[in-house]
Amino acid sequence: MIGFLRLLVLLLIVLSVLYVLVAIYARSLARERLERRWEAKPHAGRREDFIAAGLRLYDKSARRRLLGAIWIVPPVTIAVLIWLTNFN
């Protein structure tokens, strides 16, 4: 049991670091996409306001929320594998 808890703590630390890195990368991709869209239509207002409004929409999007699966999928997969190995 202690080994499993140690694995769980280490896994959550690694997944937290991975989540932060992927979130930063995904946000930078969204920002680049907004910058390219503004360059295609520069009459859409000030560049900074356009990008800030787009990033606010990105923060509320489903794509951003799906990043939370980084914390959910690996522990659930490991738990299912442990259960299948030990109890079936």
Protein backbone atom coordinates (compact mmCIF):
# COMPACT_ATOMS: atom_id res chain seq x y z
CA MET A 1 0.00 0.00 0.00
CA ILE A 2 2.83 2.41 0.81
CA GLY A 3 4.40 1.70 -2.58
CA PHE A 4 1.12 2.52 -4.31
CA LEU A 5 0.79 5.82 -2.42
CA ARG A 6 4.38 6.73 -3.30
CA LEU A 7 3.63 5.94 -6.95
CA LEU A 8 0.49 8.05 -6.80
CA VAL A 9 2.27 11.08 -5.31
CA LEU A 10 5.10 10.88 -7.82
CA LEU A 11 2.63 10.42 -10.67
CA LEU A 12 0.62 13.47 -9.62
CA ILE A 13 3.77 15.60 -9.42
CA VAL A 14 4.89 14.51 -12.89
CA LEU A 15 1.40 15.00 -14.30
CA SER A 16 1.18 18.48 -12.76
CA VAL A 17 4.43 19.52 -14.42
CA LEU A 18 3.24 18.03 -17.70
CA TYR A 19 -0.11 19.83 -17.39
CA VAL A 20 1.58 23.19 -16.86
CA LEU A 21 3.89 22.68 -19.84
CA VAL A 22 1.08 21.56 -22.16
CA ALA A 23 -1.18 24.41 -20.99
CA ILE A 24 1.53 26.99 -21.71
CA TYR A 25 2.18 25.45 -25.13
CA ALA A 26 -1.53 25.29 -26.03
CA ARG A 27 -2.05 28.90 -24.97
CA SER A 28 0.90 30.02 -27.08
CA LEU A 29 -0.58 28.20 -30.08
CA ALA A 30 -3.92 29.92 -29.50
CA ARG A 31 -2.15 33.28 -29.26
CA GLU A 32 -0.26 32.67 -32.51
CA ARG A 33 -3.50 31.68 -34.23
CA LEU A 34 -5.13 34.92 -33.04
CA GLU A 35 -2.13 36.97 -34.19
CA ARG A 36 -2.31 35.43 -37.66
CA ARG A 37 -6.07 36.05 -37.79
CA TRP A 38 -5.57 39.70 -36.82
CA GLU A 39 -2.86 40.13 -39.47
CA ALA A 40 -5.31 38.83 -42.06
CA LYS A 41 -7.93 41.38 -40.88
CA PRO A 42 -6.12 44.27 -39.16
CA HIS A 43 -9.28 46.40 -39.19
CA ALA A 44 -10.70 44.27 -36.37
CA GLY A 45 -9.57 46.79 -33.73
CA ARG A 46 -6.40 47.16 -31.70
CA ARG A 47 -4.17 44.12 -31.90
CA GLU A 48 -3.75 43.75 -28.11
CA ASP A 49 -7.50 44.02 -27.47
CA PHE A 50 -8.28 41.50 -30.20
CA ILE A 51 -5.77 38.99 -28.82
CA ALA A 52 -6.87 39.52 -25.20
CA ALA A 53 -10.53 38.96 -26.12
CA GLY A 54 -9.62 35.83 -28.06
CA LEU A 55 -7.56 34.44 -25.17
CA ARG A 56 -10.46 35.06 -22.77
CA LEU A 57 -12.65 32.98 -25.07
CA TYR A 58 -9.93 30.32 -25.23
CA ASP A 59 -9.78 30.14 -21.42
CA LYS A 60 -13.50 29.24 -21.38
CA SER A 61 -13.31 26.77 -24.27
CA ALA A 62 -13.71 23.02 -24.14
CA ARG A 63 -10.22 22.60 -25.58
CA ARG A 64 -8.74 24.25 -22.51
CA ARG A 65 -10.85 22.12 -20.17
CA LEU A 66 -9.84 18.91 -21.92
CA LEU A 67 -6.30 19.49 -20.72
CA GLY A 68 -7.58 18.35 -17.33
CA ALA A 69 -7.66 14.85 -18.78
CA ILE A 70 -3.89 14.84 -18.26
CA TRP A 71 -4.61 14.43 -14.53
CA ILE A 72 -7.46 11.94 -14.94
CA VAL A 73 -6.60 9.43 -17.67
CA PRO A 74 -3.22 8.06 -16.46
CA PRO A 75 -4.27 7.38 -12.82
CA VAL A 76 -7.53 5.78 -13.96
CA THR A 77 -5.66 3.64 -16.48
CA ILE A 78 -3.15 2.52 -13.84
CA ALA A 79 -5.93 1.76 -11.35
CA VAL A 80 -7.82 -0.32 -13.92
CA LEU A 81 -4.65 -2.23 -14.84
CA ILE A 82 -3.88 -2.92 -11.17
CA TRP A 83 -7.44 -4.06 -10.56
CA LEU A 84 -7.45 -6.32 -13.64
CA THR A 85 -4.08 -7.80 -12.70
CA ASN A 86 -4.96 -8.53 -9.08
CA PHE A 87 -8.66 -9.39 -9.14
CA ASN A 88 -9.32 -11.12 -12.47
